[in-house]
Protein backbone atom coordinates (compact mmCIF):
# COMPACT_ATOMS: atom_id res chain seq x y z
CA UNK A 1 -36.60 -32.15 37.82
CA UNK A 2 -34.78 -35.00 36.00
CA UNK A 3 -34.78 -33.11 32.78
CA UNK A 4 -32.66 -30.30 34.49
CA UNK A 5 -30.17 -32.67 36.10
CA UNK A 6 -27.85 -32.57 33.32
CA UNK A 7 -25.48 -30.40 35.07
CA UNK A 8 -24.69 -33.22 37.53
CA UNK A 9 -22.58 -36.28 37.00
CA UNK A 10 -24.47 -39.51 36.65
CA UNK A 11 -22.71 -40.76 39.60
CA UNK A 12 -25.01 -38.30 41.51
CA UNK A 13 -27.78 -40.75 40.95
CA UNK A 14 -26.04 -43.58 42.86
CA UNK A 15 -28.25 -42.62 45.94
CA UNK A 16 -31.19 -42.62 44.04
CA UNK A 17 -33.58 -44.75 46.03
CA UNK A 18 -34.89 -47.96 44.45
CA UNK A 19 -38.81 -46.82 44.31
CA UNK A 20 -41.16 -46.08 41.61
CA UNK A 21 -40.35 -42.34 41.79
CA UNK A 22 -36.71 -42.91 42.20
CA UNK A 23 -36.39 -45.14 39.23
CA UNK A 24 -38.69 -42.84 37.22
CA UNK A 25 -36.24 -39.93 37.86
CA UNK A 26 -33.37 -41.99 36.91
CA UNK A 27 -34.87 -43.05 33.72
CA UNK A 28 -35.90 -39.49 32.62
CA UNK A 29 -32.34 -38.36 33.50
CA UNK A 30 -30.72 -40.83 31.36
CA UNK A 31 -33.07 -40.29 28.40
CA UNK A 32 -32.38 -36.55 28.46
CA UNK A 33 -28.49 -37.37 28.83
CA UNK A 34 -28.63 -39.65 25.92
CA UNK A 35 -30.18 -37.27 23.47
CA UNK A 36 -28.04 -34.52 24.86
CA UNK A 37 -25.06 -36.37 23.84
CA UNK A 38 -26.55 -37.52 20.41
CA UNK A 39 -27.77 -34.11 19.55
CA UNK A 40 -30.95 -33.72 17.34
CA UNK A 41 -29.24 -34.17 13.70
CA UNK A 42 -29.91 -36.72 11.41
CA UNK A 43 -28.17 -40.08 12.08
CA UNK A 44 -25.56 -39.60 9.43
CA UNK A 45 -24.55 -36.28 10.98
CA UNK A 46 -24.09 -37.62 14.53
CA UNK A 47 -20.57 -38.07 15.70
CA UNK A 48 -19.38 -41.76 15.84
CA UNK A 49 -17.84 -41.19 19.32
CA UNK A 50 -21.73 -40.29 20.68
CA UNK A 51 -23.29 -43.53 19.87
CA UNK A 52 -21.85 -45.82 22.52
CA UNK A 53 -22.79 -42.96 25.27
CA UNK A 54 -26.20 -42.80 23.61
CA UNK A 55 -26.88 -46.52 23.45
CA UNK A 56 -25.77 -46.97 27.24
CA UNK A 57 -27.80 -44.23 28.55
CA UNK A 58 -30.83 -45.29 26.48
CA UNK A 59 -30.41 -48.91 27.99
CA UNK A 60 -30.19 -47.57 31.61
CA UNK A 61 -33.27 -45.38 31.07
CA UNK A 62 -35.09 -48.53 29.91
CA UNK A 63 -34.12 -50.72 32.78
CA UNK A 64 -35.05 -47.98 35.31
CA UNK A 65 -38.28 -47.06 33.67
CA UNK A 66 -39.37 -50.87 33.54
CA UNK A 67 -38.54 -51.29 37.05
CA UNK A 68 -40.56 -48.06 37.97
CA UNK A 69 -43.46 -49.27 36.23
CA UNK A 70 -43.33 -52.54 37.92
CA UNK A 71 -43.06 -50.73 41.49
CA UNK A 72 -46.11 -48.45 40.62
CA UNK A 73 -48.64 -50.43 38.26
CA UNK A 74 -51.04 -47.39 38.06
CA UNK A 75 -48.73 -44.71 36.87
CA UNK A 76 -48.57 -44.42 32.85
CA UNK A 77 -45.51 -42.02 32.96
CA UNK A 78 -42.83 -44.66 32.73
CA UNK A 79 -44.34 -46.45 29.57
CA UNK A 80 -45.26 -42.95 28.34
CA UNK A 81 -41.37 -42.30 28.16
CA UNK A 82 -40.55 -45.76 26.98
CA UNK A 83 -42.76 -45.58 23.86
CA UNK A 84 -41.32 -42.37 22.67
CA UNK A 85 -37.48 -41.32 23.15
CA UNK A 86 -36.46 -44.81 24.26
CA UNK A 87 -38.19 -46.78 21.61
CA UNK A 88 -36.85 -44.44 18.88
CA UNK A 89 -33.33 -44.45 20.11
CA UNK A 90 -32.75 -47.93 20.72
CA UNK A 91 -34.76 -48.86 17.38
CA UNK A 92 -36.83 -51.42 19.47
CA UNK A 93 -39.24 -53.80 17.40
CA UNK A 94 -42.51 -52.34 16.26
CA UNK A 95 -44.67 -54.74 18.39
CA UNK A 96 -42.61 -53.79 21.61
CA UNK A 97 -43.10 -49.90 20.57
CA UNK A 98 -46.81 -50.67 20.28
CA UNK A 99 -46.77 -52.66 23.58
CA UNK A 100 -45.40 -49.95 25.52
CA UNK A 101 -47.83 -47.29 24.23
CA UNK A 102 -50.80 -49.56 24.92
CA UNK A 103 -49.56 -50.24 28.48
CA UNK A 104 -49.43 -46.35 28.90
CA UNK A 105 -52.87 -45.60 27.66
CA UNK A 106 -54.19 -48.56 29.63
CA UNK A 107 -53.12 -46.71 32.67
CA UNK A 108 -54.21 -43.42 31.44
CA UNK A 109 -56.27 -43.36 28.08
CA UNK A 110 -55.63 -39.64 27.28
CA UNK A 111 -51.88 -39.47 28.35
CA UNK A 112 -50.55 -36.89 26.06
CA UNK A 113 -47.01 -37.89 26.51
CA UNK A 114 -47.64 -41.34 25.33
CA UNK A 115 -49.53 -40.23 22.38
CA UNK A 116 -46.87 -37.83 21.32
CA UNK A 117 -44.19 -40.71 21.51
CA UNK A 118 -46.41 -43.15 19.63
CA UNK A 119 -46.76 -40.33 16.87
CA UNK A 120 -42.95 -39.59 16.66
CA UNK A 121 -42.51 -43.22 15.92
CA UNK A 122 -44.91 -43.55 13.21
CA UNK A 123 -43.53 -40.38 11.48
CA UNK A 124 -41.38 -40.94 8.23
CA UNK A 125 -38.13 -39.88 9.43
CA UNK A 126 -38.34 -42.71 12.11
CA UNK A 127 -39.30 -45.31 9.56
CA UNK A 128 -43.06 -44.97 9.47
CA UNK A 129 -44.87 -42.96 6.96
CA UNK A 130 -47.08 -39.77 6.66
CA UNK A 131 -50.34 -41.91 6.21
CA UNK A 132 -49.70 -44.01 9.34
CA UNK A 133 -48.99 -40.79 11.20
CA UNK A 134 -51.70 -38.78 9.99
CA UNK A 135 -54.20 -41.76 10.59
CA UNK A 136 -53.11 -42.09 14.13
CA UNK A 137 -53.44 -38.26 14.77
CA UNK A 138 -56.85 -38.32 13.37
CA UNK A 139 -58.10 -41.33 15.30
CA UNK A 140 -56.52 -39.62 18.58
CA UNK A 141 -58.51 -36.29 17.74
CA UNK A 142 -61.75 -38.26 17.28
CA UNK A 143 -61.58 -40.05 20.63
CA UNK A 144 -60.38 -36.99 22.75
CA UNK A 145 -62.93 -35.13 24.64
CA UNK A 146 -64.22 -31.86 23.45
CA UNK A 147 -61.69 -29.08 24.01
CA UNK A 148 -58.96 -31.67 25.09
CA UNK A 149 -55.41 -30.59 24.57
CA UNK A 150 -54.59 -34.02 23.39
CA UNK A 151 -56.10 -32.81 19.97
CA UNK A 152 -52.84 -30.65 19.64
CA UNK A 153 -51.33 -34.07 18.44
CA UNK A 154 -53.05 -33.10 15.09
CA UNK A 155 -50.65 -29.93 14.81
CA UNK A 156 -47.71 -32.43 15.82
CA UNK A 157 -48.31 -34.39 12.87
CA UNK A 158 -48.58 -31.43 10.40
CA UNK A 159 -45.49 -30.18 12.08
CA UNK A 160 -43.76 -33.46 11.42
CA UNK A 161 -44.79 -33.38 7.79
CA UNK A 162 -43.65 -30.02 7.15
CA UNK A 163 -40.20 -30.61 8.76
CA UNK A 164 -39.73 -33.56 6.52
CA UNK A 165 -40.34 -31.71 3.38
CA UNK A 166 -38.61 -28.35 4.60
CA UNK A 167 -35.43 -29.85 6.34
CA UNK A 168 -35.07 -33.34 5.11
CA UNK A 169 -36.06 -33.46 1.60
CA UNK A 170 -35.73 -29.77 1.02
CA UNK A 171 -38.71 -29.82 -1.34
CA UNK A 172 -39.82 -26.17 -1.74
CA UNK A 173 -42.61 -26.58 -4.19
CA UNK A 174 -43.99 -29.49 -1.99
CA UNK A 175 -43.62 -27.39 1.14
CA UNK A 176 -45.44 -24.64 -0.23
CA UNK A 177 -48.16 -26.85 -1.77
CA UNK A 178 -48.69 -28.47 1.86
CA UNK A 179 -48.86 -25.16 3.67
CA UNK A 180 -51.24 -23.96 0.98
CA UNK A 181 -53.58 -27.05 1.27
CA UNK A 182 -57.02 -25.82 2.32
CA UNK A 183 -57.75 -28.88 4.24
CA UNK A 184 -54.66 -28.44 6.39
CA UNK A 185 -55.77 -24.76 7.07
CA UNK A 186 -59.33 -25.51 7.79
CA UNK A 187 -58.27 -28.23 10.38
CA UNK A 188 -55.59 -26.33 11.96
CA UNK A 189 -58.07 -23.16 12.31
CA UNK A 190 -61.04 -25.38 13.53
CA UNK A 191 -58.52 -26.96 16.42
CA UNK A 192 -57.45 -23.75 17.53
CA UNK A 193 -60.86 -22.32 18.13
CA UNK A 194 -61.94 -25.23 19.72
CA UNK A 195 -58.89 -26.33 22.05
CA UNK A 196 -56.51 -23.18 22.29
CA UNK A 197 -58.03 -19.96 21.65
CA UNK A 198 -59.83 -19.93 25.07
CA UNK A 199 -57.49 -22.07 26.85
CA UNK A 200 -55.46 -19.95 29.35
CA UNK A 201 -51.89 -20.96 30.96
CA UNK A 202 -52.58 -21.42 34.68
CA UNK A 203 -49.34 -23.58 35.31
CA UNK A 204 -46.28 -24.95 33.80
CA UNK A 205 -48.04 -27.96 32.60
CA UNK A 206 -50.36 -25.68 30.36
CA UNK A 207 -47.36 -24.47 28.44
CA UNK A 208 -46.70 -26.98 25.92
CA UNK A 209 -49.94 -27.18 24.02
CA UNK A 210 -49.35 -23.35 23.48
CA UNK A 211 -45.81 -23.34 22.32
CA UNK A 212 -46.80 -26.15 19.90
CA UNK A 213 -49.94 -23.99 18.46
CA UNK A 214 -47.76 -20.97 18.26
CA UNK A 215 -45.11 -23.13 16.54
CA UNK A 216 -47.52 -24.54 13.83
CA UNK A 217 -49.40 -21.29 13.51
CA UNK A 218 -46.20 -19.55 12.70
CA UNK A 219 -45.41 -22.02 10.07
CA UNK A 220 -48.78 -21.81 8.55
CA UNK A 221 -48.59 -17.95 8.43
CA UNK A 222 -51.70 -17.28 10.95
CA UNK A 223 -50.41 -14.01 12.33
CA UNK A 224 -53.26 -12.76 14.35
CA UNK A 225 -53.63 -16.28 16.17
CA UNK A 226 -49.77 -16.21 16.75
CA UNK A 227 -49.86 -12.88 18.41
CA UNK A 228 -52.53 -14.09 20.79
CA UNK A 229 -50.34 -17.09 21.72
CA UNK A 230 -47.12 -15.16 22.20
CA UNK A 231 -49.10 -12.80 24.68
CA UNK A 232 -50.18 -15.82 26.71
CA UNK A 233 -46.52 -17.31 26.48
CA UNK A 234 -44.70 -14.11 27.43
CA UNK A 235 -44.70 -14.69 31.08
CA UNK A 236 -43.20 -18.22 30.80
CA UNK A 237 -40.37 -17.33 28.23
CA UNK A 238 -37.65 -18.39 30.69
CA UNK A 239 -38.78 -22.11 30.34
CA UNK A 240 -39.40 -22.04 26.50
CA UNK A 241 -36.50 -23.34 24.52
CA UNK A 242 -34.91 -21.27 21.91
CA UNK A 243 -36.83 -22.57 18.81
CA UNK A 244 -39.00 -20.42 16.37
CA UNK A 245 -41.25 -19.59 19.26
CA UNK A 246 -38.45 -18.36 21.40
CA UNK A 247 -37.39 -16.41 18.70
CA UNK A 248 -40.78 -14.77 18.00
CA UNK A 249 -41.06 -13.95 21.64
CA UNK A 250 -37.73 -12.32 21.87
CA UNK A 251 -38.32 -10.16 18.70
CA UNK A 252 -41.93 -9.82 17.71
CA UNK A 253 -40.82 -7.65 14.91
CA UNK A 254 -39.37 -10.71 13.31
CA UNK A 255 -42.66 -12.62 13.03
CA UNK A 256 -43.09 -11.53 9.22
CA UNK A 257 -39.33 -12.81 8.34
CA UNK A 258 -40.09 -15.93 10.28
CA UNK A 259 -43.11 -16.92 8.47
CA UNK A 260 -41.56 -15.93 5.01
CA UNK A 261 -38.54 -18.02 5.93
CA UNK A 262 -40.58 -21.15 7.19
CA UNK A 263 -42.85 -21.29 4.17
CA UNK A 264 -40.03 -20.81 1.67
């Protein structure tokens, strides 16, 4: 609910109760408000006027989430949010990023949001490296139970490396080399068969792994698997953002051109 509260003024949260749930709602709201103001561009493309609001919103989010975590010492969600979007945006020290992650997984060892947040902080575009990112993803896959959607973190790591090559360095030869790497393909298809192929979407919480799978498989050019995932996702189109998966859902005939564009 907090993620979709962006049409309301921040003042509407003044009556938010000082409870674990109330402060969690407030924290998640201000994370989304902060990143809406900043946008998804690289830092040098962000408007100078956006930075003060971005900073202020994330500081408010941090304080609310820490308060929530102290009020409910079993819920991993506050620290799962802290170790991802808040840690990146406020550029907190590496030791604090790790501390927030470790607290989240102490409360829930298989928490997917916490692992995704940790991965994003280790990727190269946020000051880490491809090696750190892939090492973390591989270690996570090894510890996850058979068939767990937590293993989709490997797809996230592949996607982040592709994104760095494709959109940031714009290195076409390296992008093609990465996508044609047989090890990358083998791991991707093995995980698809283990985790996603037989997995069904029962409720909204099941949507994300399938969107991430469809996204990476589109980039990889696995048309048959993409078609299967789009079929599962079609009933949920209204809650799926207008990224490459959204485009493929809107126009299935565009899949070939999307694959060609994303691998170029």
